[in-house]
Protein backbone atom coordinates (compact mmCIF):
# COMPACT_ATOMS: atom_id res chain seq x y z
CA UNK A 1 0.00 0.00 0.00
CA UNK A 2 1.04 3.59 0.54
CA UNK A 3 3.84 4.32 2.93
CA UNK A 4 4.02 7.73 4.53
CA UNK A 5 7.37 9.15 5.43
CA UNK A 6 7.66 12.07 7.78
CA UNK A 7 10.64 14.34 7.88
CA UNK A 8 11.96 15.56 11.17
CA UNK A 9 11.88 19.29 10.65
CA UNK A 10 13.33 21.35 13.44
CA UNK A 11 15.63 20.50 16.28
CA UNK A 12 16.16 16.95 17.35
CA UNK A 13 15.79 16.70 21.11
CA UNK A 14 16.62 19.34 23.66
CA UNK A 15 14.31 22.03 24.86
CA UNK A 16 12.83 24.71 22.67
CA UNK A 17 14.33 28.16 22.57
CA UNK A 18 17.28 27.32 24.75
CA UNK A 19 20.89 27.86 23.94
CA UNK A 20 24.11 27.09 25.68
CA UNK A 21 25.91 30.36 26.19
CA UNK A 22 27.57 29.41 29.45
CA UNK A 23 26.97 31.04 32.82
CA UNK A 24 25.26 34.42 32.84
CA UNK A 25 27.19 37.42 34.01
CA UNK A 26 25.36 38.98 36.95
CA UNK A 27 25.46 42.70 37.74
CA UNK A 28 25.17 44.11 41.27
CA UNK A 29 22.39 46.72 41.53
CA UNK A 30 20.27 48.48 44.13
CA UNK A 31 16.51 47.92 43.98
CA UNK A 32 14.74 51.08 42.82
CA UNK A 33 11.91 50.55 45.29
CA UNK A 34 13.26 49.15 48.57
CA UNK A 35 16.97 49.92 48.24
CA UNK A 36 18.07 46.32 48.82
CA UNK A 37 21.23 45.08 47.08
CA UNK A 38 20.49 42.42 44.45
CA UNK A 39 21.85 40.98 41.21
CA UNK A 40 20.38 40.97 37.73
CA UNK A 41 21.49 39.05 34.59
CA UNK A 42 21.87 42.24 32.51
CA UNK A 43 23.52 45.63 32.68
CA UNK A 44 20.91 48.32 33.37
CA UNK A 45 21.19 51.42 31.19
CA UNK A 46 19.45 53.71 33.68
CA UNK A 47 16.39 54.32 31.52
CA UNK A 48 14.14 51.99 33.55
CA UNK A 49 13.88 51.06 37.23
CA UNK A 50 15.48 47.82 38.41
CA UNK A 51 13.78 45.78 41.14
CA UNK A 52 14.80 42.96 43.48
CA UNK A 53 12.83 39.74 43.02
CA UNK A 54 10.32 40.65 45.75
CA UNK A 55 9.56 44.13 44.37
CA UNK A 56 9.52 42.82 40.80
CA UNK A 57 6.64 40.51 41.70
CA UNK A 58 4.63 43.59 42.74
CA UNK A 59 5.37 45.45 39.49
CA UNK A 60 5.17 42.51 37.09
CA UNK A 61 2.52 42.90 34.38
CA UNK A 62 -0.52 40.68 34.83
CA UNK A 63 -0.61 37.59 32.63
CA UNK A 64 -3.38 37.49 30.07
CA UNK A 65 -4.93 34.20 29.07
CA UNK A 66 -4.48 33.31 25.44
CA UNK A 67 -6.86 31.15 23.51
CA UNK A 68 -5.84 29.60 20.25
């Protein structure tokens, strides 16, 4: 009869959207809200406030549900 063959298009194994760039360089900063010392995985440019993890949770945008 007919035999269907499927091609494996895309990555084989591993997790989606990940890459191996080694350890992230952390930058020491002061939280813009509470003044606590913390670290972030980027270098702030001063144009936006930087929060510690606790204050970030308060300022994080609300998640919207998506329907497909």
